[in-house]
Amino acid sequence: MVNSKLIAVLITIVFFYFTVSSTAKPSALVQQIKQQSQEQDKEPFVGVNIGTDVSNLLSAKDLVSFLQVQKISHVRLYDANPDILKALANTKVRVIVSVPNNQLLAIGSSNTTAASWINRNVVAYYPETFITHIGVGDEVLTTVPSSAPLLLPAIQSLYSALVAANLHTQIKVSTPHAASIVLDTFPPSQAYFNQSLISVLAPLLQFLSKTESPLMMNLYPYYVFMENKGVVPLDTSLFKSLTPSKEMVDPNTLLHYTNVLDAMIDAAYVSMKNLNVTNVSVLVTESGWPSKGDSKEPYATIDNADTYNSNLIKHVIDQSGTPLHPEITSSVFIYELFNEDLRSPPVSEANWGLFNSNSTPVYLLHVSGSGTFLANDTTNQTYCIAMDGVDLKTLQSALDWACGAGRANCSEIQPGESCYQPNNVKNHASFAFDSYYQKEGKAPGSCDFKGVAMITTTDPSQGSCVFPGSKKVVHKTRAVVNSTEVSSGADRPTVLSEFAPLQIHGEMNLPIPENGLLCI
């Protein structure tokens, strides 16, 4: 009897121990996450938006691995994708989850639905998955104004559910707005919110002030420039260095503005001050520049996209604030991580990404000295290769141009040389493209060839064929002798002769030989 009682007591103690341990562990983890959050949020950051209108999108596991390789520590999702949230567990990547616009009606009309949403999309993952904010809808006031009356009730219901889960101090609730809710943005001192939206914005700002949540804004200097060409200089839109005489001056404050984004942020601060709100910070939930556009979008180029995003990153990391609030530097989420090739026209809609869907960079950001963000800038091992599935005639023309007018060193792809095999256009073009790309110092736009080339961090060298971009490359001086040997068909090797220009794809002169031979 004594033994059985003793065993019962021991079982009770053990059960109590494990019960307390299991409940205490998440609490301790929450405190750790909260402390990390408070420490890390003191520094402004650059994150990325992850859109999913992408064919062959990486699996959730591979996506998260990619984020870690690229040193991306902040992401914004346009929903609460369960696979991605699960894959983000224990990675310390901080994430904004979102309520899609089509769910506003249900959440704004029912506290029970809001609580269910929080339990299903936040509590189920937190704190292992580092959720920091909930974005309720996206540009609701301007894109779906009929849902405007439901916006604040939805936000308040979700916040109440966070309170019930004791997560309201760790996770902030807000809603991203289009820049157009602010009128007369320059000079910033005269900016104000669209008066027709005040009935929603005024109480929303009071909520943000009370809960210490940010005003989320989607700010695009690209569109400001496109809508005000001739008034807004391109250099100012791209964060380029300006002489004092070219800086924009606010006549009321005499503050000097060197870039459009700062002016847009300060316009938001002035607009909030007009409604007696002075303690809400601006979080830029979207900003970027497209790398390709149609004929009506001539400024959507790789060079401009590279310049804007590179300078944007430096601007945030430098923590220079804005002219009106030099003590506050807004954190920014770049739009976006991947080109969303499934987007509808115009062409620019599919070309805001830093990376292609196959994880190769669209261009290499120039942000050296700005920390470890985006590893595609910190590696010297990048190559330019031919894309899969492109027209062989177009690829051959680009190859001919690279080895001719482009002055790439194509000696290694001549018959009998180390990179002649495999003897096909794609292999030879990849070598020639990389030679040109390396010769040009990996400059923005030097790996394009009218859309048939792409940048990769995977060394394409094979066997004795060493690509120019490889560190293993040994520069050789080689005598090249004219050859008249030509293979038949599209997969012929490149050989030597004279060029005549051929107009291909409008702007780019891709020369091809008059006699079917190639010169170097």
Protein backbone atom coordinates (compact mmCIF):
# COMPACT_ATOMS: atom_id res chain seq x y z
CA MET A 1 0.00 0.00 0.00
CA VAL A 2 2.81 2.38 0.96
CA ASN A 3 4.63 1.57 -2.25
CA SER A 4 1.54 2.18 -4.36
CA LYS A 5 0.93 5.54 -2.67
CA LEU A 6 4.55 6.52 -3.19
CA ILE A 7 4.35 5.59 -6.86
CA ALA A 8 1.16 7.61 -7.21
CA VAL A 9 2.85 10.66 -5.64
CA LEU A 10 5.87 10.27 -7.90
CA ILE A 11 3.64 9.99 -10.98
CA THR A 12 1.80 13.14 -9.90
CA ILE A 13 5.07 15.02 -9.42
CA VAL A 14 6.42 13.87 -12.77
CA PHE A 15 3.15 14.78 -14.50
CA PHE A 16 3.15 18.20 -12.86
CA TYR A 17 6.78 18.76 -13.82
CA PHE A 18 6.21 18.01 -17.50
CA THR A 19 2.96 19.96 -17.56
CA VAL A 20 4.65 23.05 -16.13
CA SER A 21 7.67 22.60 -18.40
CA SER A 22 5.53 22.29 -21.51
CA THR A 23 3.50 25.40 -20.69
CA ALA A 24 6.49 27.40 -19.48
CA LYS A 25 8.59 26.74 -22.57
CA PRO A 26 6.43 28.69 -25.05
CA SER A 27 6.12 31.50 -22.50
CA ALA A 28 9.89 31.72 -22.19
CA LEU A 29 10.25 31.60 -25.96
CA VAL A 30 7.70 34.38 -26.32
CA GLN A 31 9.73 36.52 -23.94
CA GLN A 32 12.90 35.77 -25.88
CA ILE A 33 11.23 36.66 -29.18
CA LYS A 34 9.78 39.82 -27.66
CA GLN A 35 13.20 40.88 -26.37
CA GLN A 36 14.80 40.18 -29.76
CA SER A 37 12.02 42.12 -31.44
CA GLN A 38 12.55 45.15 -29.24
CA GLU A 39 16.31 45.05 -29.77
CA GLN A 40 16.23 44.48 -33.52
CA ASP A 41 13.43 46.92 -34.27
CA LYS A 42 15.65 49.76 -33.11
CA GLU A 43 17.47 49.44 -36.42
CA PRO A 44 15.73 50.18 -39.73
CA PHE A 45 15.67 47.24 -42.11
CA VAL A 46 15.03 46.31 -45.72
CA GLY A 47 12.70 43.40 -46.40
CA VAL A 48 11.05 41.92 -49.47
CA ASN A 49 7.50 41.24 -50.61
CA ILE A 50 6.80 37.71 -51.83
CA GLY A 51 4.17 37.55 -54.54
CA THR A 52 3.12 34.13 -55.78
CA ASP A 53 1.89 34.79 -59.35
CA VAL A 54 4.96 32.86 -60.44
CA SER A 55 5.13 29.78 -62.61
CA ASN A 56 7.30 27.09 -61.03
CA LEU A 57 7.47 28.90 -57.69
CA LEU A 58 9.96 27.35 -55.29
CA SER A 59 8.52 24.96 -52.74
CA ALA A 60 8.02 26.51 -49.30
CA LYS A 61 11.07 24.67 -47.95
CA ASP A 62 13.28 25.76 -50.85
CA LEU A 63 11.92 29.31 -50.66
CA VAL A 64 12.91 29.63 -47.02
CA SER A 65 16.35 28.15 -47.73
CA PHE A 66 16.73 30.72 -50.50
CA LEU A 67 15.80 33.55 -48.10
CA GLN A 68 18.46 32.38 -45.67
CA VAL A 69 21.13 32.10 -48.35
CA GLN A 70 20.32 35.63 -49.49
CA LYS A 71 20.44 36.94 -45.89
CA ILE A 72 16.85 38.19 -46.15
CA SER A 73 15.48 38.53 -42.62
CA HIS A 74 12.16 40.35 -43.20
CA VAL A 75 9.40 39.28 -45.59
CA ARG A 76 5.83 40.31 -46.28
CA LEU A 77 3.26 37.79 -47.49
CA TYR A 78 0.03 38.77 -49.23
CA ASP A 79 -1.84 36.09 -47.30
CA ALA A 80 -1.06 33.65 -44.50
CA ASN A 81 0.22 30.76 -46.59
CA PRO A 82 0.39 27.81 -44.18
CA ASP A 83 3.21 26.02 -46.02
CA ILE A 84 5.44 29.09 -45.98
CA LEU A 85 4.62 29.93 -42.35
CA LYS A 86 5.43 26.37 -41.31
CA ALA A 87 8.70 26.42 -43.28
CA LEU A 88 9.69 29.71 -41.61
CA ALA A 89 9.57 28.12 -38.15
CA ASN A 90 12.79 28.47 -36.13
CA THR A 91 14.49 30.57 -38.81
CA LYS A 92 14.16 34.01 -37.12
CA VAL A 93 12.98 35.41 -40.46
CA ARG A 94 10.43 38.05 -39.48
CA VAL A 95 7.19 38.03 -41.42
CA ILE A 96 4.15 40.19 -42.06
CA VAL A 97 1.07 38.06 -42.72
CA SER A 98 -1.90 39.55 -44.52
CA VAL A 99 -5.67 39.34 -44.68
CA PRO A 100 -6.67 39.36 -48.38
CA ASN A 101 -9.25 41.96 -49.38
CA ASN A 102 -11.84 39.29 -50.10
CA GLN A 103 -11.82 38.23 -46.43
CA LEU A 104 -12.55 41.68 -45.01
CA LEU A 105 -16.31 41.27 -45.06
CA ALA A 106 -16.29 38.14 -42.93
CA ILE A 107 -13.69 39.38 -40.44
CA GLY A 108 -15.10 42.91 -40.18
CA SER A 109 -18.57 41.55 -39.51
CA SER A 110 -17.78 38.90 -36.91
CA ASN A 111 -15.51 38.87 -33.86
CA THR A 112 -15.74 35.09 -33.90
CA THR A 113 -14.41 34.94 -37.47
CA ALA A 114 -11.60 37.32 -36.55
CA ALA A 115 -10.66 35.18 -33.55
CA SER A 116 -10.71 32.08 -35.71
CA TRP A 117 -8.44 33.77 -38.25
CA ILE A 118 -5.92 34.70 -35.53
CA ASN A 119 -5.95 31.20 -34.07
CA ARG A 120 -5.55 29.56 -37.45
CA ASN A 121 -2.98 31.91 -39.01
CA VAL A 122 -1.05 33.37 -36.08
CA VAL A 123 -1.38 31.43 -32.84
CA ALA A 124 -0.84 28.14 -34.67
CA TYR A 125 2.66 29.28 -35.76
CA TYR A 126 3.84 31.87 -33.25
CA PRO A 127 6.42 32.15 -31.71
CA GLU A 128 8.35 29.50 -33.66
CA THR A 129 7.48 31.50 -36.78
CA PHE A 130 8.45 35.09 -36.10
CA ILE A 131 5.27 36.97 -37.06
CA THR A 132 5.64 40.70 -36.39
CA HIS A 133 2.67 42.38 -38.12
CA ILE A 134 -0.70 41.67 -39.64
CA GLY A 135 -1.54 43.66 -42.77
CA VAL A 136 -5.32 43.90 -43.05
CA GLY A 137 -6.24 44.15 -46.73
CA ASP A 138 -4.15 45.97 -49.30
CA GLU A 139 -4.88 49.52 -50.50
CA VAL A 140 -8.50 49.01 -49.50
CA LEU A 141 -9.49 52.68 -49.45
CA THR A 142 -8.49 53.23 -53.07
CA THR A 143 -8.96 49.84 -54.75
CA VAL A 144 -12.10 48.52 -53.02
CA PRO A 145 -13.71 51.63 -51.48
CA SER A 146 -16.94 49.71 -50.92
CA SER A 147 -15.10 47.77 -48.21
CA ALA A 148 -13.81 50.91 -46.47
CA PRO A 149 -16.48 50.85 -43.71
CA LEU A 150 -15.34 47.33 -42.77
CA LEU A 151 -11.63 48.12 -42.59
CA LEU A 152 -11.37 49.51 -39.06
CA PRO A 153 -13.85 46.99 -37.57
CA ALA A 154 -11.76 44.18 -39.08
CA ILE A 155 -8.57 45.65 -37.63
CA GLN A 156 -10.14 46.10 -34.21
CA SER A 157 -11.56 42.58 -34.17
CA LEU A 158 -8.19 41.07 -35.07
CA TYR A 159 -6.51 43.19 -32.41
CA SER A 160 -9.02 42.00 -29.80
CA ALA A 161 -8.22 38.43 -30.76
CA LEU A 162 -4.51 39.16 -30.29
CA VAL A 163 -5.27 40.61 -26.85
CA ALA A 164 -7.13 37.42 -25.95
CA ALA A 165 -4.07 35.41 -27.03
CA ASN A 166 -1.76 37.82 -25.15
CA LEU A 167 0.10 38.63 -28.37
CA HIS A 168 -1.00 42.25 -28.87
CA THR A 169 2.32 43.73 -27.70
CA GLN A 170 4.40 41.46 -29.93
CA ILE A 171 2.31 41.61 -33.12
CA LYS A 172 1.07 44.89 -34.56
CA VAL A 173 -2.02 45.31 -36.73
CA SER A 174 -2.26 47.87 -39.53
CA THR A 175 -3.26 48.18 -43.20
CA PRO A 176 -1.17 49.13 -46.27
CA HIS A 177 -2.33 52.25 -48.13
CA ALA A 178 -1.69 53.50 -51.65
CA ALA A 179 0.32 56.71 -51.92
CA SER A 180 -2.72 58.39 -53.46
CA ILE A 181 -4.44 58.77 -50.06
CA VAL A 182 -2.06 61.73 -49.62
CA LEU A 183 -2.66 64.73 -51.88
CA ASP A 184 -0.25 67.51 -52.91
CA THR A 185 2.82 65.60 -51.78
CA PHE A 186 5.22 68.33 -52.86
CA PRO A 187 6.06 70.44 -51.14
CA PRO A 188 5.56 68.00 -48.25
CA SER A 189 4.63 70.82 -45.88
CA GLN A 190 1.39 71.33 -47.83
CA ALA A 191 0.36 67.68 -48.05
CA TYR A 192 -2.92 66.41 -46.63
CA PHE A 193 -5.06 63.28 -46.66
CA ASN A 194 -7.83 62.96 -49.21
CA GLN A 195 -10.75 64.56 -47.37
CA SER A 196 -13.22 61.92 -48.59
CA LEU A 197 -11.25 59.31 -46.60
CA ILE A 198 -11.00 61.19 -43.29
CA SER A 199 -13.98 59.39 -41.75
CA VAL A 200 -11.93 56.18 -41.93
CA LEU A 201 -8.40 57.55 -41.59
CA ALA A 202 -8.96 59.68 -38.46
CA PRO A 203 -10.14 56.83 -36.21
CA LEU A 204 -7.66 54.45 -37.85
CA LEU A 205 -4.76 56.75 -36.96
CA GLN A 206 -6.04 57.01 -33.39
CA PHE A 207 -6.00 53.22 -33.24
CA LEU A 208 -2.44 53.06 -34.62
CA SER A 209 -1.34 55.69 -32.11
CA LYS A 210 -2.90 53.84 -29.18
CA THR A 211 -1.47 50.44 -30.16
CA GLU A 212 1.95 51.76 -31.26
CA SER A 213 1.41 50.37 -34.74
CA PRO A 214 2.84 51.86 -37.95
CA LEU A 215 1.10 53.60 -40.83
CA MET A 216 1.78 51.21 -43.71
CA MET A 217 2.34 52.96 -47.06
CA ASN A 218 3.07 51.63 -50.55
CA LEU A 219 5.31 54.32 -52.06
CA TYR A 220 6.60 54.23 -55.63
CA PRO A 221 8.79 57.08 -56.93
CA TYR A 222 8.62 55.27 -60.29
CA TYR A 223 4.97 56.21 -60.70
CA VAL A 224 5.57 59.74 -59.43
CA PHE A 225 8.22 60.15 -62.10
CA MET A 226 6.12 58.59 -64.88
CA GLU A 227 3.15 60.81 -64.07
CA ASN A 228 5.25 63.97 -63.76
CA LYS A 229 7.93 63.65 -66.45
CA GLY A 230 9.52 67.01 -67.08
CA VAL A 231 8.74 68.14 -63.54
CA VAL A 232 10.28 65.38 -61.39
CA PRO A 233 13.87 64.61 -62.49
CA LEU A 234 14.83 60.97 -63.04
CA ASP A 235 17.97 61.37 -60.90
CA THR A 236 15.85 62.54 -57.97
CA SER A 237 13.58 59.53 -58.34
CA LEU A 238 16.54 57.13 -58.40
CA PHE A 239 18.32 58.49 -55.30
CA LYS A 240 21.24 59.66 -57.43
CA SER A 241 23.65 62.21 -56.00
CA LEU A 242 22.58 65.78 -56.73
CA THR A 243 24.31 69.10 -56.66
CA PRO A 244 22.69 71.52 -54.18
CA SER A 245 21.22 73.51 -57.06
CA LYS A 246 19.24 70.45 -58.22
CA GLU A 247 17.80 69.55 -54.82
CA MET A 248 14.09 70.08 -54.29
CA VAL A 249 13.39 72.75 -51.69
CA ASP A 250 10.21 73.02 -49.65
CA PRO A 251 9.50 76.78 -49.72
CA ASN A 252 7.64 76.68 -46.40
CA THR A 253 10.25 74.81 -44.35
CA LEU A 254 13.33 75.47 -46.53
CA LEU A 255 14.17 71.78 -46.16
CA HIS A 256 16.15 70.29 -49.03
CA TYR A 257 15.02 67.00 -50.57
CA THR A 258 17.46 64.87 -52.55
CA ASN A 259 15.03 62.08 -53.42
CA VAL A 260 11.34 61.54 -54.08
CA LEU A 261 10.81 58.80 -51.47
CA ASP A 262 11.80 61.05 -48.56
CA ALA A 263 9.36 63.67 -49.81
CA MET A 264 6.57 61.08 -49.96
CA ILE A 265 7.31 59.87 -46.43
CA ASP A 266 7.39 63.41 -45.04
CA ALA A 267 4.12 64.18 -46.83
CA ALA A 268 2.57 61.30 -44.86
CA TYR A 269 3.96 62.69 -41.60
CA VAL A 270 2.58 66.15 -42.35
CA SER A 271 -0.80 64.67 -43.24
CA MET A 272 -0.91 62.80 -39.93
CA LYS A 273 0.09 65.95 -38.03
CA ASN A 274 -2.85 67.75 -39.64
CA LEU A 275 -5.05 65.22 -37.82
CA ASN A 276 -3.14 65.75 -34.55
CA VAL A 277 -1.29 62.43 -34.75
CA THR A 278 2.45 62.76 -34.19
CA ASN A 279 3.55 59.44 -32.68
CA VAL A 280 2.87 57.02 -35.53
CA SER A 281 5.81 55.94 -37.67
CA VAL A 282 5.69 55.21 -41.41
CA LEU A 283 6.50 51.68 -42.54
CA VAL A 284 7.00 51.46 -46.31
CA THR A 285 5.38 48.14 -47.17
CA GLU A 286 6.12 48.41 -50.91
CA SER A 287 8.66 50.27 -53.01
CA GLY A 288 10.65 49.31 -56.07
CA TRP A 289 11.32 49.85 -59.76
CA PRO A 290 10.49 47.57 -62.72
CA SER A 291 13.35 46.18 -64.80
CA LYS A 292 11.40 45.82 -68.04
CA GLY A 293 8.42 47.55 -69.64
CA ASP A 294 6.54 47.99 -72.88
CA SER A 295 6.93 50.84 -75.37
CA LYS A 296 5.06 53.19 -73.03
CA GLU A 297 7.43 52.42 -70.16
CA PRO A 298 10.89 53.36 -71.48
CA TYR A 299 12.26 53.98 -67.99
CA ALA A 300 11.51 50.44 -66.81
CA THR A 301 15.04 49.15 -67.38
CA ILE A 302 17.51 46.91 -65.62
CA ASP A 303 19.89 49.82 -65.05
CA ASN A 304 17.20 52.00 -63.45
CA ALA A 305 15.85 49.15 -61.34
CA ASP A 306 19.33 48.29 -60.14
CA THR A 307 20.10 51.93 -59.39
CA TYR A 308 16.87 52.55 -57.50
CA ASN A 309 16.91 49.44 -55.34
CA SER A 310 20.65 49.60 -54.65
CA ASN A 311 20.39 53.24 -53.57
CA LEU A 312 17.21 52.54 -51.61
CA ILE A 313 18.97 49.86 -49.58
CA LYS A 314 21.93 52.14 -48.88
CA HIS A 315 19.56 54.96 -47.91
CA VAL A 316 17.81 52.82 -45.31
CA ILE A 317 20.98 51.23 -43.93
CA ASP A 318 22.64 54.66 -43.64
CA GLN A 319 19.82 55.68 -41.25
CA SER A 320 19.75 59.28 -42.46
CA GLY A 321 16.02 59.66 -41.87
CA THR A 322 14.13 62.31 -43.82
CA PRO A 323 14.62 66.08 -43.94
CA LEU A 324 11.59 66.58 -41.68
CA HIS A 325 12.43 63.69 -39.35
CA PRO A 326 16.15 62.94 -39.52
CA GLU A 327 15.79 60.96 -36.30
CA ILE A 328 13.42 58.44 -37.93
CA THR A 329 14.41 56.13 -40.78
CA SER A 330 11.52 54.17 -42.23
CA SER A 331 12.03 50.49 -42.86
CA VAL A 332 11.17 49.40 -46.41
CA PHE A 333 9.92 46.23 -48.09
CA ILE A 334 11.13 46.03 -51.68
CA TYR A 335 8.55 45.04 -54.24
CA GLU A 336 9.41 42.31 -54.91
CA LEU A 337 11.43 39.11 -54.49
CA PHE A 338 10.53 37.31 -57.75
CA ASN A 339 9.36 38.44 -61.15
CA GLU A 340 5.69 37.40 -61.28
CA ASP A 341 5.49 36.12 -64.84
CA LEU A 342 1.79 35.25 -64.51
CA ARG A 343 0.81 38.89 -64.06
CA SER A 344 -1.42 40.61 -66.61
CA PRO A 345 -0.06 43.43 -68.83
CA PRO A 346 1.49 45.94 -68.94
CA VAL A 347 4.89 44.26 -69.22
CA SER A 348 6.22 46.02 -66.14
CA GLU A 349 3.72 44.20 -63.92
CA ALA A 350 5.68 40.98 -64.40
CA ASN A 351 9.10 42.56 -63.91
CA TRP A 352 9.45 44.10 -60.46
CA GLY A 353 11.44 41.19 -59.03
CA LEU A 354 15.00 41.10 -57.80
CA PHE A 355 15.15 37.46 -58.93
CA ASN A 356 13.72 35.29 -61.68
CA SER A 357 11.49 32.40 -60.67
CA ASN A 358 14.47 30.03 -61.03
CA SER A 359 16.26 32.00 -58.27
CA THR A 360 18.80 33.66 -60.58
CA PRO A 361 19.16 37.41 -60.00
CA VAL A 362 17.61 39.70 -62.59
CA TYR A 363 20.51 42.05 -61.85
CA LEU A 364 23.17 42.33 -59.17
CA LEU A 365 22.51 44.99 -56.57
CA HIS A 366 25.37 47.34 -55.78
CA VAL A 367 25.13 47.61 -52.02
CA SER A 368 28.63 46.73 -50.85
CA GLY A 369 29.27 48.10 -47.39
CA SER A 370 25.59 48.00 -46.49
CA GLY A 371 25.66 44.85 -44.40
CA THR A 372 24.90 41.31 -45.47
CA PHE A 373 21.46 41.89 -46.95
CA LEU A 374 21.06 40.08 -50.25
CA ALA A 375 23.96 37.74 -50.81
CA ASN A 376 23.72 38.19 -54.58
CA ASP A 377 25.70 41.37 -54.06
CA THR A 378 28.38 39.91 -51.84
CA THR A 379 29.46 37.00 -54.03
CA ASN A 380 32.07 37.46 -56.73
CA GLN A 381 31.08 34.16 -58.31
CA THR A 382 28.43 35.18 -60.81
CA TYR A 383 28.16 34.10 -64.43
CA CYS A 384 26.10 34.99 -67.49
CA ILE A 385 24.63 32.08 -69.41
CA ALA A 386 22.06 31.42 -72.12
CA MET A 387 18.51 30.85 -70.96
CA ASP A 388 16.68 27.59 -71.60
CA GLY A 389 13.96 27.37 -74.22
CA VAL A 390 14.86 30.42 -76.31
CA ASP A 391 14.72 30.55 -80.10
CA LEU A 392 17.96 29.13 -81.53
CA LYS A 393 18.12 31.69 -84.34
CA THR A 394 17.89 34.56 -81.88
CA LEU A 395 20.41 32.87 -79.62
CA GLN A 396 22.84 32.37 -82.53
CA SER A 397 22.52 36.04 -83.48
CA ALA A 398 23.27 37.09 -79.91
CA LEU A 399 26.24 34.72 -79.85
CA ASP A 400 27.56 36.19 -83.09
CA TRP A 401 27.23 39.70 -81.70
CA ALA A 402 29.03 38.81 -78.45
CA CYS A 403 31.97 37.28 -80.32
CA GLY A 404 32.00 40.07 -82.93
CA ALA A 405 31.02 43.62 -82.01
CA GLY A 406 30.89 42.69 -78.32
CA ARG A 407 34.57 41.66 -78.46
CA ALA A 408 34.07 38.68 -76.15
CA ASN A 409 36.97 36.20 -76.11
CA CYS A 410 35.48 33.23 -77.94
CA SER A 411 38.68 31.38 -78.71
CA GLU A 412 37.84 28.58 -76.25
CA ILE A 413 34.72 27.57 -78.20
CA GLN A 414 36.56 27.06 -81.49
CA PRO A 415 36.97 23.49 -82.88
CA GLY A 416 39.46 21.47 -80.87
CA GLU A 417 39.52 23.89 -77.93
CA SER A 418 38.53 23.14 -74.34
CA CYS A 419 34.96 24.51 -74.51
CA TYR A 420 34.04 23.44 -78.04
CA GLN A 421 32.15 20.43 -76.71
CA PRO A 422 29.25 20.08 -76.36
CA ASN A 423 29.02 21.51 -79.85
CA ASN A 424 25.74 23.41 -79.72
CA VAL A 425 24.54 26.99 -79.80
CA LYS A 426 23.43 27.13 -76.16
CA ASN A 427 26.76 25.96 -74.79
CA HIS A 428 28.79 28.26 -77.03
CA ALA A 429 26.48 31.20 -76.34
CA SER A 430 26.80 30.69 -72.58
CA PHE A 431 30.57 30.87 -72.80
CA ALA A 432 30.49 33.94 -75.05
CA PHE A 433 27.89 35.69 -72.89
CA ASP A 434 29.96 35.09 -69.76
CA SER A 435 33.09 36.35 -71.47
CA TYR A 436 31.33 39.59 -72.41
CA TYR A 437 29.73 39.92 -68.96
CA GLN A 438 33.06 39.52 -67.16
CA LYS A 439 34.81 41.84 -69.63
CA GLU A 440 32.22 44.53 -68.85
CA GLY A 441 32.86 44.17 -65.13
CA LYS A 442 29.44 42.56 -64.52
CA ALA A 443 27.89 45.93 -65.23
CA PRO A 444 24.08 46.25 -65.04
CA GLY A 445 22.56 45.25 -68.37
CA SER A 446 25.64 43.40 -69.60
CA CYS A 447 23.90 40.04 -69.21
CA ASP A 448 20.71 40.54 -71.18
CA PHE A 449 21.24 40.11 -74.93
CA LYS A 450 17.62 41.10 -75.52
CA GLY A 451 16.26 38.62 -73.05
CA VAL A 452 18.10 35.41 -73.99
CA ALA A 453 20.69 35.51 -71.18
CA MET A 454 20.52 35.36 -67.41
CA ILE A 455 22.82 35.69 -64.41
CA THR A 456 23.56 32.64 -62.28
CA THR A 457 25.65 31.94 -59.20
CA THR A 458 26.25 28.34 -60.30
CA ASP A 459 29.58 27.83 -62.03
CA PRO A 460 28.79 26.49 -65.54
CA SER A 461 32.35 25.22 -65.98
CA GLN A 462 32.61 21.52 -66.80
CA GLY A 463 35.70 19.35 -66.97
CA SER A 464 38.49 21.14 -68.80
CA CYS A 465 36.12 23.92 -69.91
CA VAL A 466 36.57 26.75 -67.41
CA PHE A 467 34.27 29.75 -67.81
CA PRO A 468 35.72 33.28 -67.67
CA GLY A 469 33.87 34.10 -64.45
CA SER A 470 35.41 31.22 -62.52
CA LYS A 471 38.19 31.97 -60.07
CA LYS A 472 39.95 28.96 -61.53
CA VAL A 473 40.32 30.73 -64.88
CA VAL A 474 43.85 30.96 -66.19
CA HIS A 475 44.23 33.72 -68.75
CA LYS A 476 45.97 32.47 -71.86
CA THR A 477 47.35 34.23 -74.90
CA ARG A 478 46.24 32.22 -77.87
CA ALA A 479 46.81 32.65 -81.58
CA VAL A 480 43.58 32.17 -83.49
CA VAL A 481 43.78 31.13 -87.11
CA ASN A 482 41.00 31.73 -89.62
CA SER A 483 38.92 28.65 -90.28
CA THR A 484 36.50 27.81 -93.01
CA GLU A 485 35.13 24.70 -91.31
CA VAL A 486 31.38 25.07 -90.72
CA SER A 487 28.85 22.66 -89.27
CA SER A 488 25.44 22.45 -90.81
CA GLY A 489 22.23 23.28 -88.96
CA ALA A 490 21.47 25.56 -86.04
CA ASP A 491 24.03 23.90 -83.79
CA ARG A 492 27.04 24.86 -85.90
CA PRO A 493 30.11 26.12 -84.02
CA THR A 494 31.20 29.71 -84.31
CA VAL A 495 34.14 30.35 -86.65
CA LEU A 496 35.89 33.36 -88.12
CA SER A 497 35.06 35.92 -90.79
CA GLU A 498 33.51 39.38 -91.42
CA PHE A 499 30.24 40.90 -90.15
CA ALA A 500 27.28 42.72 -91.58
CA PRO A 501 24.73 44.18 -89.14
CA LEU A 502 21.23 42.77 -88.87
CA GLN A 503 18.41 44.59 -87.06
CA ILE A 504 16.92 42.22 -84.48
CA HIS A 505 14.17 43.10 -81.98
CA GLY A 506 14.11 46.78 -82.84
CA GLU A 507 16.92 48.45 -80.93
CA MET A 508 19.77 45.97 -80.73
CA ASN A 509 22.02 45.47 -83.73
CA LEU A 510 22.90 41.81 -83.62
CA PRO A 511 25.37 41.28 -86.47
CA ILE A 512 25.50 37.99 -88.33
CA PRO A 513 28.08 36.97 -90.93
CA GLU A 514 27.36 37.60 -94.59
CA ASN A 515 28.88 34.24 -95.46
CA GLY A 516 27.66 32.31 -92.42
CA LEU A 517 31.04 32.55 -90.68
CA LEU A 518 31.97 34.42 -87.52
CA CYS A 519 34.87 36.71 -86.75
CA ILE A 520 36.49 37.43 -83.42
